[in-house]
Amino acid sequence: MAVVMTMRWDGVTPKQYDQVRDLVRWEQDTPDGAHLHVCSFEGGALHVTDVWDSQAHFEGFFADRLAAAIKEAGIEGEPQTSFRPMHRRFIAPGVTGAAS
């Protein structure tokens, strides 16, 4: 069953996020089990909502690809992360594509 992962990481800047994204290249080399990724910034924190096949898929991606890039970008601390079973997903008609 798919899961929704939400994350808040205090102190992460848009510049650091973009550096990690460029290093990991998840938009070009999609991680196994990933369905959706949305991020925003508010209150001095990075906010992420993802949909994954499972919590294990996200944790494998974090360990295998994301952790080293986070370190290289100088991101400190730990995120507040939670996982919940996805109940339903809606994508509006005509919405396609990846990054924007």
Protein backbone atom coordinates (compact mmCIF):
# COMPACT_ATOMS: atom_id res chain seq x y z
CA MET A 1 0.00 0.00 0.00
CA ALA A 2 1.31 3.46 -0.90
CA VAL A 3 2.29 5.84 1.89
CA VAL A 4 2.31 9.60 2.27
CA MET A 5 5.51 10.92 3.79
CA THR A 6 5.54 14.40 5.32
CA MET A 7 8.69 16.12 6.46
CA ARG A 8 9.60 19.38 8.15
CA TRP A 9 13.28 20.26 8.35
CA ASP A 10 14.06 23.47 10.22
CA GLY A 11 16.88 25.63 8.90
CA VAL A 12 17.04 24.18 5.38
CA THR A 13 17.20 26.92 2.74
CA PRO A 14 15.94 26.86 -0.84
CA LYS A 15 19.58 27.07 -1.98
CA GLN A 16 20.50 23.95 0.03
CA TYR A 17 17.42 22.10 -1.24
CA ASP A 18 18.33 22.95 -4.84
CA GLN A 19 21.92 21.83 -4.28
CA VAL A 20 20.74 18.46 -2.93
CA ARG A 21 18.30 18.09 -5.83
CA ASP A 22 21.08 18.81 -8.34
CA LEU A 23 23.45 16.33 -6.66
CA VAL A 24 20.93 13.50 -6.34
CA ARG A 25 19.17 14.14 -9.70
CA TRP A 26 15.92 12.51 -8.55
CA GLU A 27 13.99 14.26 -11.32
CA GLN A 28 16.23 12.67 -13.97
CA ASP A 29 16.80 9.32 -12.20
CA THR A 30 13.56 8.64 -10.36
CA PRO A 31 14.04 6.63 -7.16
CA ASP A 32 12.45 3.20 -7.05
CA GLY A 33 9.03 3.44 -5.43
CA ALA A 34 8.63 7.23 -5.75
CA HIS A 35 5.32 8.62 -7.05
CA LEU A 36 5.13 12.29 -6.08
CA HIS A 37 7.29 14.99 -4.47
CA VAL A 38 6.19 18.48 -3.46
CA CYS A 39 8.24 20.95 -1.43
CA SER A 40 7.71 24.40 0.00
CA PHE A 41 9.36 26.75 2.45
CA GLU A 42 7.75 28.56 5.34
CA GLY A 43 8.79 29.68 8.79
CA GLY A 44 12.48 28.96 8.18
CA ALA A 45 11.82 25.32 7.32
CA LEU A 46 11.63 22.98 4.35
CA HIS A 47 8.26 21.22 4.07
CA VAL A 48 7.97 18.09 1.91
CA THR A 49 5.06 15.85 0.98
CA ASP A 50 5.86 12.68 -0.94
CA VAL A 51 3.99 9.58 -2.04
CA TRP A 52 6.00 6.32 -2.05
CA ASP A 53 5.21 2.66 -2.60
CA SER A 54 6.27 2.08 1.01
CA GLN A 55 8.17 3.61 3.91
CA ALA A 56 11.01 1.20 3.13
CA HIS A 57 11.34 2.64 -0.39
CA PHE A 58 11.82 6.15 1.02
CA GLU A 59 14.23 4.97 3.69
CA GLY A 60 16.32 3.12 1.09
CA PHE A 61 16.46 6.23 -1.11
CA PHE A 62 17.46 8.34 1.89
CA ALA A 63 20.25 5.98 2.91
CA ASP A 64 21.54 5.16 -0.58
CA ARG A 65 21.33 8.53 -2.33
CA LEU A 66 20.04 11.41 -0.24
CA ALA A 67 22.14 11.30 2.95
CA ALA A 68 25.50 12.00 1.27
CA ALA A 69 24.09 14.97 -0.66
CA ILE A 70 22.50 16.39 2.50
CA LYS A 71 25.88 16.25 4.19
CA GLU A 72 27.61 17.87 1.19
CA ALA A 73 25.06 20.71 1.19
CA GLY A 74 25.83 21.40 4.87
CA ILE A 75 22.34 20.65 6.10
CA GLU A 76 22.32 20.07 9.84
CA GLY A 77 19.90 18.62 12.33
CA GLU A 78 17.23 16.02 11.76
CA PRO A 79 13.90 16.29 9.99
CA GLN A 80 10.54 15.65 11.59
CA THR A 81 9.17 12.88 9.37
CA SER A 82 5.95 10.90 9.45
CA PHE A 83 4.35 8.22 7.27
CA ARG A 84 0.67 7.43 6.84
CA PRO A 85 -1.13 5.00 4.54
CA MET A 86 -2.43 6.83 1.48
CA HIS A 87 -6.21 6.73 1.31
CA ARG A 88 -6.78 8.39 -2.07
CA ARG A 89 -4.95 10.36 -4.72
CA PHE A 90 -6.51 12.81 -7.20
CA ILE A 91 -4.73 14.34 -10.16
CA ALA A 92 -6.71 16.99 -12.02
CA PRO A 93 -7.46 16.28 -15.68
CA GLY A 94 -4.78 17.67 -17.96
CA VAL A 95 -2.11 17.91 -15.24
CA THR A 96 1.07 16.23 -16.41
CA GLY A 97 4.79 16.70 -16.19
CA ALA A 98 7.42 16.86 -13.55
CA ALA A 99 9.35 19.85 -12.26
CA SER A 100 8.02 23.36 -12.23
